[in-house]
Amino acid sequence: MPLDGVLLLHEVVPIREVYEEAIHFRDYLDIVLELVERVRPRLVLNGHIHRGCFTCYRFPWGSHYLRVDSSQQHRCYAVIDASDESVEVLRDGDLVERFELG
């Protein structure tokens, strides 16, 4: 079964509660956040930031946000299971986070 409502971005989503000092909040990033708020996908995935293995966040409107760093430094990746609409974050094969998109 397909999983609809996934938005994949390279650019960071400027979530101030999450990235207080880690990113420079440039004006064009406000457009990225506006896009996410307008589209309201079930899951937003992005990379770009190499700050820890992963970041999870749930927007006030219910969308989930996930950033993973698959670099050799952090070796994290996400597995999305469309059958039960769950997301798992693993580091070197070990589960470090799990959530459901419901």
PDB file of N, CA and C in Angstrom:
ATOM      1  N   MET A   1       0.843  -1.165   0.000  1.00  0.00           N
ATOM      2  CA  MET A   1       0.000   0.000   0.000  1.00  0.00           C
ATOM      3  C   MET A   1       0.897   1.239   0.000  1.00  0.00           C
ATOM      4  N   PRO A   2       0.614   2.218  -0.858  1.00  0.00           N
ATOM      5  CA  PRO A   2       1.458   3.413  -0.902  1.00  0.00           C
ATOM      6  C   PRO A   2       1.220   4.305   0.311  1.00  0.00           C
ATOM      7  N   LEU A   3       2.224   5.031   0.667  1.00  0.00           N
ATOM      8  CA  LEU A   3       2.126   5.988   1.766  1.00  0.00           C
ATOM      9  C   LEU A   3       2.094   7.375   1.146  1.00  0.00           C
ATOM     10  N   ASP A   4       0.973   8.057   1.275  1.00  0.00           N
ATOM     11  CA  ASP A   4       0.877   9.388   0.677  1.00  0.00           C
ATOM     12  C   ASP A   4       1.241  10.459   1.694  1.00  0.00           C
ATOM     13  N   GLY A   5       1.518  11.642   1.185  1.00  0.00           N
ATOM     14  CA  GLY A   5       1.776  12.774   2.053  1.00  0.00           C
ATOM     15  C   GLY A   5       3.181  12.865   2.595  1.00  0.00           C
ATOM     16  N   VAL A   6       4.185  12.473   1.799  1.00  0.00           N
ATOM     17  CA  VAL A   6       5.574  12.594   2.220  1.00  0.00           C
ATOM     18  C   VAL A   6       6.242  13.683   1.388  1.00  0.00           C
ATOM     19  N   LEU A   7       6.859  14.644   2.051  1.00  0.00           N
ATOM     20  CA  LEU A   7       7.574  15.730   1.390  1.00  0.00           C
ATOM     21  C   LEU A   7       9.057  15.566   1.690  1.00  0.00           C
ATOM     22  N   LEU A   8       9.853  15.428   0.638  1.00  0.00           N
ATOM     23  CA  LEU A   8      11.295  15.246   0.766  1.00  0.00           C
ATOM     24  C   LEU A   8      11.991  16.529   0.330  1.00  0.00           C
ATOM     25  N   LEU A   9      12.817  17.079   1.216  1.00  0.00           N
ATOM     26  CA  LEU A   9      13.536  18.321   0.947  1.00  0.00           C
ATOM     27  C   LEU A   9      15.016  18.136   1.245  1.00  0.00           C
ATOM     28  N   HIS A  10      15.838  18.849   0.516  1.00  0.00           N
ATOM     29  CA  HIS A  10      17.249  18.902   0.892  1.00  0.00           C
ATOM     30  C   HIS A  10      17.460  20.025   1.901  1.00  0.00           C
ATOM     31  N   GLU A  11      16.854  21.164   1.638  1.00  0.00           N
ATOM     32  CA  GLU A  11      17.023  22.328   2.501  1.00  0.00           C
ATOM     33  C   GLU A  11      16.369  22.097   3.862  1.00  0.00           C
ATOM     34  N   VAL A  12      16.935  22.697   4.859  1.00  0.00           N
ATOM     35  CA  VAL A  12      16.416  22.560   6.218  1.00  0.00           C
ATOM     36  C   VAL A  12      15.077  23.287   6.364  1.00  0.00           C
ATOM     37  N   VAL A  13      14.219  22.736   7.188  1.00  0.00           N
ATOM     38  CA  VAL A  13      12.988  23.415   7.568  1.00  0.00           C
ATOM     39  C   VAL A  13      13.316  24.213   8.838  1.00  0.00           C
ATOM     40  N   PRO A  14      13.164  25.517   8.815  1.00  0.00           N
ATOM     41  CA  PRO A  14      13.637  26.352   9.924  1.00  0.00           C
ATOM     42  C   PRO A  14      12.702  26.328  11.136  1.00  0.00           C
ATOM     43  N   ILE A  15      12.788  25.272  11.898  1.00  0.00           N
ATOM     44  CA  ILE A  15      11.958  25.120  13.090  1.00  0.00           C
ATOM     45  C   ILE A  15      12.746  25.718  14.256  1.00  0.00           C
ATOM     46  N   ARG A  16      12.344  26.871  14.688  1.00  0.00           N
ATOM     47  CA  ARG A  16      13.098  27.597  15.706  1.00  0.00           C
ATOM     48  C   ARG A  16      13.196  26.844  17.028  1.00  0.00           C
ATOM     49  N   GLU A  17      12.172  26.091  17.381  1.00  0.00           N
ATOM     50  CA  GLU A  17      12.213  25.331  18.630  1.00  0.00           C
ATOM     51  C   GLU A  17      13.265  24.223  18.598  1.00  0.00           C
ATOM     52  N   VAL A  18      13.641  23.807  17.402  1.00  0.00           N
ATOM     53  CA  VAL A  18      14.581  22.697  17.240  1.00  0.00           C
ATOM     54  C   VAL A  18      15.993  23.190  16.947  1.00  0.00           C
ATOM     55  N   TYR A  19      16.099  24.169  16.060  1.00  0.00           N
ATOM     56  CA  TYR A  19      17.410  24.600  15.567  1.00  0.00           C
ATOM     57  C   TYR A  19      17.768  26.010  16.030  1.00  0.00           C
ATOM     58  N   GLU A  20      17.536  26.319  17.281  1.00  0.00           N
ATOM     59  CA  GLU A  20      17.728  27.669  17.791  1.00  0.00           C
ATOM     60  C   GLU A  20      19.010  28.334  17.304  1.00  0.00           C
ATOM     61  N   GLU A  21      20.149  27.678  17.509  1.00  0.00           N
ATOM     62  CA  GLU A  21      21.426  28.302  17.155  1.00  0.00           C
ATOM     63  C   GLU A  21      22.199  27.508  16.104  1.00  0.00           C
ATOM     64  N   ALA A  22      21.633  26.431  15.615  1.00  0.00           N
ATOM     65  CA  ALA A  22      22.376  25.564  14.705  1.00  0.00           C
ATOM     66  C   ALA A  22      22.367  26.049  13.264  1.00  0.00           C
ATOM     67  N   ILE A  23      21.374  26.857  12.909  1.00  0.00           N
ATOM     68  CA  ILE A  23      21.298  27.338  11.530  1.00  0.00           C
ATOM     69  C   ILE A  23      21.137  28.841  11.528  1.00  0.00           C
ATOM     70  N   HIS A  24      21.467  29.430  10.405  1.00  0.00           N
ATOM     71  CA  HIS A  24      21.221  30.856  10.204  1.00  0.00           C
ATOM     72  C   HIS A  24      19.833  30.975   9.588  1.00  0.00           C
ATOM     73  N   PHE A  25      18.947  31.645  10.252  1.00  0.00           N
ATOM     74  CA  PHE A  25      17.573  31.766   9.783  1.00  0.00           C
ATOM     75  C   PHE A  25      17.498  32.853   8.709  1.00  0.00           C
ATOM     76  N   ARG A  26      17.821  32.458   7.504  1.00  0.00           N
ATOM     77  CA  ARG A  26      17.781  33.369   6.368  1.00  0.00           C
ATOM     78  C   ARG A  26      16.327  33.550   5.912  1.00  0.00           C
ATOM     79  N   ASP A  27      16.067  34.682   5.271  1.00  0.00           N
ATOM     80  CA  ASP A  27      14.700  34.997   4.844  1.00  0.00           C
ATOM     81  C   ASP A  27      14.107  33.925   3.939  1.00  0.00           C
ATOM     82  N   TYR A  28      14.908  33.372   3.028  1.00  0.00           N
ATOM     83  CA  TYR A  28      14.343  32.391   2.098  1.00  0.00           C
ATOM     84  C   TYR A  28      13.883  31.120   2.808  1.00  0.00           C
ATOM     85  N   LEU A  29      14.403  30.851   3.992  1.00  0.00           N
ATOM     86  CA  LEU A  29      13.962  29.670   4.722  1.00  0.00           C
ATOM     87  C   LEU A  29      12.520  29.809   5.213  1.00  0.00           C
ATOM     88  N   ASP A  30      12.067  31.045   5.394  1.00  0.00           N
ATOM     89  CA  ASP A  30      10.671  31.247   5.774  1.00  0.00           C
ATOM     90  C   ASP A  30       9.732  30.694   4.710  1.00  0.00           C
ATOM     91  N   ILE A  31      10.161  30.728   3.453  1.00  0.00           N
ATOM     92  CA  ILE A  31       9.359  30.181   2.362  1.00  0.00           C
ATOM     93  C   ILE A  31       9.248  28.663   2.509  1.00  0.00           C
ATOM     94  N   VAL A  32      10.314  28.012   2.930  1.00  0.00           N
ATOM     95  CA  VAL A  32      10.293  26.571   3.146  1.00  0.00           C
ATOM     96  C   VAL A  32       9.280  26.222   4.232  1.00  0.00           C
ATOM     97  N   LEU A  33       9.320  26.950   5.339  1.00  0.00           N
ATOM     98  CA  LEU A  33       8.378  26.702   6.427  1.00  0.00           C
ATOM     99  C   LEU A  33       6.942  26.991   5.986  1.00  0.00           C
ATOM    100  N   GLU A  34       6.749  28.044   5.211  1.00  0.00           N
ATOM    101  CA  GLU A  34       5.410  28.366   4.703  1.00  0.00           C
ATOM    102  C   GLU A  34       4.895  27.249   3.797  1.00  0.00           C
ATOM    103  N   LEU A  35       5.761  26.700   2.960  1.00  0.00           N
ATOM    104  CA  LEU A  35       5.381  25.589   2.099  1.00  0.00           C
ATOM    105  C   LEU A  35       4.912  24.395   2.925  1.00  0.00           C
ATOM    106  N   VAL A  36       5.677  24.044   3.940  1.00  0.00           N
ATOM    107  CA  VAL A  36       5.317  22.910   4.791  1.00  0.00           C
ATOM    108  C   VAL A  36       3.970  23.159   5.475  1.00  0.00           C
ATOM    109  N   GLU A  37       3.770  24.380   5.940  1.00  0.00           N
ATOM    110  CA  GLU A  37       2.509  24.688   6.616  1.00  0.00           C
ATOM    111  C   GLU A  37       1.328  24.657   5.651  1.00  0.00           C
ATOM    112  N   ARG A  38       1.524  25.116   4.427  1.00  0.00           N
ATOM    113  CA  ARG A  38       0.434  25.110   3.438  1.00  0.00           C
ATOM    114  C   ARG A  38       0.099  23.696   2.961  1.00  0.00           C
ATOM    115  N   VAL A  39       1.129  22.922   2.652  1.00  0.00           N
ATOM    116  CA  VAL A  39       0.935  21.572   2.113  1.00  0.00           C
ATOM    117  C   VAL A  39       0.498  20.603   3.219  1.00  0.00           C
ATOM    118  N   ARG A  40       1.058  20.772   4.412  1.00  0.00           N
ATOM    119  CA  ARG A  40       0.768  19.923   5.571  1.00  0.00           C
ATOM    120  C   ARG A  40       0.879  18.432   5.255  1.00  0.00           C
ATOM    121  N   PRO A  41       2.048  18.025   4.775  1.00  0.00           N
ATOM    122  CA  PRO A  41       2.243  16.591   4.520  1.00  0.00           C
ATOM    123  C   PRO A  41       2.250  15.820   5.825  1.00  0.00           C
ATOM    124  N   ARG A  42       2.045  14.550   5.736  1.00  0.00           N
ATOM    125  CA  ARG A  42       2.082  13.717   6.943  1.00  0.00           C
ATOM    126  C   ARG A  42       3.497  13.612   7.487  1.00  0.00           C
ATOM    127  N   LEU A  43       4.481  13.605   6.567  1.00  0.00           N
ATOM    128  CA  LEU A  43       5.880  13.471   6.964  1.00  0.00           C
ATOM    129  C   LEU A  43       6.744  14.367   6.094  1.00  0.00           C
ATOM    130  N   VAL A  44       7.614  15.133   6.737  1.00  0.00           N
ATOM    131  CA  VAL A  44       8.610  15.961   6.050  1.00  0.00           C
ATOM    132  C   VAL A  44       9.968  15.365   6.365  1.00  0.00           C
ATOM    133  N   LEU A  45      10.730  15.048   5.327  1.00  0.00           N
ATOM    134  CA  LEU A  45      12.084  14.508   5.487  1.00  0.00           C
ATOM    135  C   LEU A  45      13.079  15.501   4.918  1.00  0.00           C
ATOM    136  N   ASN A  46      14.156  15.736   5.623  1.00  0.00           N
ATOM    137  CA  ASN A  46      15.231  16.534   5.040  1.00  0.00           C
ATOM    138  C   ASN A  46      16.572  16.124   5.622  1.00  0.00           C
ATOM    139  N   GLY A  47      17.602  16.534   4.938  1.00  0.00           N
ATOM    140  CA  GLY A  47      18.965  16.277   5.367  1.00  0.00           C
ATOM    141  C   GLY A  47      19.630  17.617   5.609  1.00  0.00           C
ATOM    142  N   HIS A  48      20.743  17.826   4.948  1.00  0.00           N
ATOM    143  CA  HIS A  48      21.453  19.101   4.882  1.00  0.00           C
ATOM    144  C   HIS A  48      22.205  19.451   6.168  1.00  0.00           C
ATOM    145  N   ILE A  49      21.634  19.199   7.326  1.00  0.00           N
ATOM    146  CA  ILE A  49      22.311  19.555   8.578  1.00  0.00           C
ATOM    147  C   ILE A  49      22.992  18.318   9.148  1.00  0.00           C
ATOM    148  N   HIS A  50      24.268  18.462   9.483  1.00  0.00           N
ATOM    149  CA  HIS A  50      25.028  17.368  10.077  1.00  0.00           C
ATOM    150  C   HIS A  50      25.201  17.676  11.560  1.00  0.00           C
ATOM    151  N   ARG A  51      24.115  17.548  12.272  1.00  0.00           N
ATOM    152  CA  ARG A  51      24.101  17.879  13.711  1.00  0.00           C
ATOM    153  C   ARG A  51      23.422  16.734  14.443  1.00  0.00           C
ATOM    154  N   GLY A  52      24.186  15.775  14.849  1.00  0.00           N
ATOM    155  CA  GLY A  52      23.612  14.624  15.525  1.00  0.00           C
ATOM    156  C   GLY A  52      22.985  13.662  14.535  1.00  0.00           C
ATOM    157  N   CYS A  53      22.642  12.510  15.034  1.00  0.00           N
ATOM    158  CA  CYS A  53      22.104  11.426  14.213  1.00  0.00           C
ATOM    159  C   CYS A  53      20.783  11.794  13.542  1.00  0.00           C
ATOM    160  N   PHE A  54      19.865  12.392  14.308  1.00  0.00           N
ATOM    161  CA  PHE A  54      18.543  12.689  13.757  1.00  0.00           C
ATOM    162  C   PHE A  54      17.859  13.764  14.584  1.00  0.00           C
ATOM    163  N   THR A  55      16.803  14.312  14.021  1.00  0.00           N
ATOM    164  CA  THR A  55      15.936  15.256  14.702  1.00  0.00           C
ATOM    165  C   THR A  55      14.504  14.899  14.369  1.00  0.00           C
ATOM    166  N   CYS A  56      13.668  14.781  15.375  1.00  0.00           N
ATOM    167  CA  CYS A  56      12.224  14.552  15.189  1.00  0.00           C
ATOM    168  C   CYS A  56      11.478  15.740  15.764  1.00  0.00           C
ATOM    169  N   TYR A  57      10.358  16.052  15.150  1.00  0.00           N
ATOM    170  CA  TYR A  57       9.515  17.146  15.624  1.00  0.00           C
ATOM    171  C   TYR A  57       8.105  16.909  15.095  1.00  0.00           C
ATOM    172  N   ARG A  58       7.126  17.331  15.855  1.00  0.00           N
ATOM    173  CA  ARG A  58       5.747  17.270  15.378  1.00  0.00           C
ATOM    174  C   ARG A  58       5.194  18.685  15.356  1.00  0.00           C
ATOM    175  N   PHE A  59       4.789  19.121  14.159  1.00  0.00           N
ATOM    176  CA  PHE A  59       4.237  20.462  14.001  1.00  0.00           C
ATOM    177  C   PHE A  59       2.893  20.569  14.717  1.00  0.00           C
ATOM    178  N   PRO A  60       2.502  21.771  15.117  1.00  0.00           N
ATOM    179  CA  PRO A  60       1.218  21.950  15.802  1.00  0.00           C
ATOM    180  C   PRO A  60       0.017  21.415  15.014  1.00  0.00           C
ATOM    181  N   TRP A  61       0.104  21.393  13.687  1.00  0.00           N
ATOM    182  CA  TRP A  61      -1.010  20.906  12.861  1.00  0.00           C
ATOM    183  C   TRP A  61      -0.948  19.399  12.637  1.00  0.00           C
ATOM    184  N   GLY A  62       0.041  18.717  13.223  1.00  0.00           N
ATOM    185  CA  GLY A  62       0.087  17.263  13.186  1.00  0.00           C
ATOM    186  C   GLY A  62       1.107  16.633  12.264  1.00  0.00           C
ATOM    187  N   SER A  63       1.692  17.392  11.342  1.00  0.00           N
ATOM    188  CA  SER A  63       2.712  16.832  10.456  1.00  0.00           C
ATOM    189  C   SER A  63       3.947  16.435  11.263  1.00  0.00           C
ATOM    190  N   HIS A  64       4.590  15.359  10.847  1.00  0.00           N
ATOM    191  CA  HIS A  64       5.839  14.916  11.470  1.00  0.00           C
ATOM    192  C   HIS A  64       7.019  15.423  10.643  1.00  0.00           C
ATOM    193  N   TYR A  65       8.108  15.712  11.322  1.00  0.00           N
ATOM    194  CA  TYR A  65       9.340  16.167  10.691  1.00  0.00           C
ATOM    195  C   TYR A  65      10.455  15.221  11.128  1.00  0.00           C
ATOM    196  N   LEU A  66      11.295  14.846  10.166  1.00  0.00           N
ATOM    197  CA  LEU A  66      12.436  13.994  10.478  1.00  0.00           C
ATOM    198  C   LEU A  66      13.623  14.405   9.631  1.00  0.00           C
ATOM    199  N   ARG A  67      14.749  14.607  10.308  1.00  0.00           N
ATOM    200  CA  ARG A  67      16.016  14.848   9.637  1.00  0.00           C
ATOM    201  C   ARG A  67      16.973  13.764  10.101  1.00  0.00           C
ATOM    202  N   VAL A  68      17.600  13.102   9.153  1.00  0.00           N
ATOM    203  CA  VAL A  68      18.604  12.102   9.507  1.00  0.00           C
ATOM    204  C   VAL A  68      19.931  12.462   8.851  1.00  0.00           C
ATOM    205  N   ASP A  69      21.004  12.095   9.511  1.00  0.00           N
ATOM    206  CA  ASP A  69      22.348  12.313   8.983  1.00  0.00           C
ATOM    207  C   ASP A  69      22.948  10.948   8.673  1.00  0.00           C
ATOM    208  N   SER A  70      23.030  10.644   7.397  1.00  0.00           N
ATOM    209  CA  SER A  70      23.552   9.342   6.976  1.00  0.00           C
ATOM    210  C   SER A  70      25.057   9.376   6.713  1.00  0.00           C
ATOM    211  N   SER A  71      25.715  10.468   7.103  1.00  0.00           N
ATOM    212  CA  SER A  71      27.157  10.573   6.874  1.00  0.00           C
ATOM    213  C   SER A  71      27.898   9.489   7.653  1.00  0.00           C
ATOM    214  N   GLN A  72      29.155   9.309   7.351  1.00  0.00           N
ATOM    215  CA  GLN A  72      29.971   8.322   8.050  1.00  0.00           C
ATOM    216  C   GLN A  72      30.148   8.674   9.526  1.00  0.00           C
ATOM    217  N   GLN A  73      29.992   9.945   9.852  1.00  0.00           N
ATOM    218  CA  GLN A  73      30.120  10.348  11.249  1.00  0.00           C
ATOM    219  C   GLN A  73      28.965   9.804  12.089  1.00  0.00           C
ATOM    220  N   HIS A  74      27.727   9.895  11.568  1.00  0.00           N
ATOM    221  CA  HIS A  74      26.562   9.503  12.365  1.00  0.00           C
ATOM    222  C   HIS A  74      25.901   8.205  11.904  1.00  0.00           C
ATOM    223  N   ARG A  75      26.005   7.845  10.644  1.00  0.00           N
ATOM    224  CA  ARG A  75      25.527   6.563  10.098  1.00  0.00           C
ATOM    225  C   ARG A  75      24.075   6.252  10.472  1.00  0.00           C
ATOM    226  N   CYS A  76      23.208   7.224  10.299  1.00  0.00           N
ATOM    227  CA  CYS A  76      21.783   7.042  10.609  1.00  0.00           C
ATOM    228  C   CYS A  76      20.977   6.930   9.327  1.00  0.00           C
ATOM    229  N   TYR A  77      19.857   6.266   9.426  1.00  0.00           N
ATOM    230  CA  TYR A  77      18.933   6.177   8.299  1.00  0.00           C
ATOM    231  C   TYR A  77      17.537   5.907   8.831  1.00  0.00           C
ATOM    232  N   ALA A  78      16.561   6.164   7.983  1.00  0.00           N
ATOM    233  CA  ALA A  78      15.163   5.964   8.375  1.00  0.00           C
ATOM    234  C   ALA A  78      14.552   4.877   7.515  1.00  0.00           C
ATOM    235  N   VAL A  79      13.673   4.099   8.121  1.00  0.00           N
ATOM    236  CA  VAL A  79      12.902   3.081   7.416  1.00  0.00           C
ATOM    237  C   VAL A  79      11.432   3.438   7.612  1.00  0.00           C
ATOM    238  N   ILE A  80      10.736   3.633   6.498  1.00  0.00           N
ATOM    239  CA  ILE A  80       9.314   3.963   6.544  1.00  0.00           C
ATOM    240  C   ILE A  80       8.543   2.717   6.139  1.00  0.00           C
ATOM    241  N   ASP A  81       7.686   2.254   7.024  1.00  0.00           N
ATOM    242  CA  ASP A  81       6.879   1.062   6.757  1.00  0.00           C
ATOM    243  C   ASP A  81       5.470   1.513   6.391  1.00  0.00           C
ATOM    244  N   ALA A  82       5.125   1.395   5.118  1.00  0.00           N
ATOM    245  CA  ALA A  82       3.812   1.849   4.645  1.00  0.00           C
ATOM    246  C   ALA A  82       2.689   0.970   5.168  1.00  0.00           C
ATOM    247  N   SER A  83       2.970  -0.276   5.518  1.00  0.00           N
ATOM    248  CA  SER A  83       1.902  -1.177   5.951  1.00  0.00           C
ATOM    249  C   SER A  83       1.305  -0.768   7.293  1.00  0.00           C
ATOM    250  N   ASP A  84       2.139  -0.288   8.212  1.00  0.00           N
ATOM    251  CA  ASP A  84       1.597   0.171   9.495  1.00  0.00           C
ATOM    252  C   ASP A  84       1.845   1.663   9.722  1.00  0.00           C
ATOM    253  N   GLU A  85       2.327   2.348   8.679  1.00  0.00           N
ATOM    254  CA  GLU A  85       2.569   3.792   8.704  1.00  0.00           C
ATOM    255  C   GLU A  85       3.449   4.206   9.879  1.00  0.00           C
ATOM    256  N   SER A  86       4.552   3.465  10.028  1.00  0.00           N
ATOM    257  CA  SER A  86       5.512   3.778  11.082  1.00  0.00           C
ATOM    258  C   SER A  86       6.834   4.209  10.464  1.00  0.00           C
ATOM    259  N   VAL A  87       7.603   4.912  11.258  1.00  0.00           N
ATOM    260  CA  VAL A  87       8.931   5.364  10.852  1.00  0.00           C
ATOM    261  C   VAL A  87       9.903   4.939  11.937  1.00  0.00           C
ATOM    262  N   GLU A  88      10.987   4.312  11.512  1.00  0.00           N
ATOM    263  CA  GLU A  88      12.044   3.928  12.444  1.00  0.00           C
ATOM    264  C   GLU A  88      13.332   4.620  12.033  1.00  0.00           C
ATOM    265  N   VAL A  89      14.061   5.109  13.021  1.00  0.00           N
ATOM    266  CA  VAL A  89      15.379   5.687  12.796  1.00  0.00           C
ATOM    267  C   VAL A  89      16.377   4.718  13.389  1.00  0.00           C
ATOM    268  N   LEU A  90      17.360   4.350  12.575  1.00  0.00           N
ATOM    269  CA  LEU A  90      18.381   3.405  13.019  1.00  0.00           C
ATOM    270  C   LEU A  90      19.768   4.023  12.878  1.00  0.00           C
ATOM    271  N   ARG A  91      20.638   3.591  13.758  1.00  0.00           N
ATOM    272  CA  ARG A  91      22.041   3.982  13.680  1.00  0.00           C
ATOM    273  C   ARG A  91      22.857   2.706  13.714  1.00  0.00           C
ATOM    274  N   ASP A  92      23.578   2.463  12.646  1.00  0.00           N
ATOM    275  CA  ASP A  92      24.353   1.217  12.518  1.00  0.00           C
ATOM    276  C   ASP A  92      23.481  -0.012  12.754  1.00  0.00           C
ATOM    277  N   GLY A  93      22.231   0.054  12.325  1.00  0.00           N
ATOM    278  CA  GLY A  93      21.326  -1.082  12.460  1.00  0.00           C
ATOM    279  C   GLY A  93      20.572  -1.168  13.768  1.00  0.00           C
ATOM    280  N   ASP A  94      20.884  -0.290  14.714  1.00  0.00           N
ATOM    281  CA  ASP A  94      20.211  -0.296  16.014  1.00  0.00           C
ATOM    282  C   ASP A  94      19.116   0.756  16.045  1.00  0.00           C
ATOM    283  N   LEU A  95      17.959   0.374  16.507  1.00  0.00           N
ATOM    284  CA  LEU A  95      16.819   1.276  16.596  1.00  0.00           C
ATOM    285  C   LEU A  95      17.090   2.357  17.638  1.00  0.00           C
ATOM    286  N   VAL A  96      16.934   3.642  17.219  1.00  0.00           N
ATOM    287  CA  VAL A  96      17.118   4.749  18.158  1.00  0.00           C
ATOM    288  C   VAL A  96      15.855   5.581  18.326  1.00  0.00           C
ATOM    289  N   GLU A  97      14.890   5.444  17.420  1.00  0.00           N
ATOM    290  CA  GLU A  97      13.632   6.187  17.512  1.00  0.00           C
ATOM    291  C   GLU A  97      12.593   5.493  16.659  1.00  0.00           C
ATOM    292  N   ARG A  98      11.336   5.535  17.098  1.00  0.00           N
ATOM    293  CA  ARG A  98      10.231   4.985  16.313  1.00  0.00           C
ATOM    294  C   ARG A  98       9.001   5.828  16.583  1.00  0.00           C
ATOM    295  N   PHE A  99       8.248   6.128  15.521  1.00  0.00           N
ATOM    296  CA  PHE A  99       6.971   6.829  15.706  1.00  0.00           C
ATOM    297  C   PHE A  99       6.020   6.423  14.597  1.00  0.00           C
ATOM    298  N   GLU A 100       4.749   6.661  14.847  1.00  0.00           N
ATOM    299  CA  GLU A 100       3.711   6.350  13.879  1.00  0.00           C
ATOM    300  C   GLU A 100       3.175   7.633  13.287  1.00  0.00           C
ATOM    301  N   LEU A 101       2.776   7.575  12.040  1.00  0.00           N
ATOM    302  CA  LEU A 101       2.298   8.747  11.345  1.00  0.00           C
ATOM    303  C   LEU A 101       0.833   9.059  11.587  1.00  0.00           C
ATOM    304  N   GLY A 102       0.161   8.249  12.356  1.00  0.00           N
ATOM    305  CA  GLY A 102      -1.269   8.445  12.617  1.00  0.00           C
ATOM    306  C   GLY A 102      -1.607   9.687  13.365  1.00  0.00           C
TER     307      GLY A 102
END
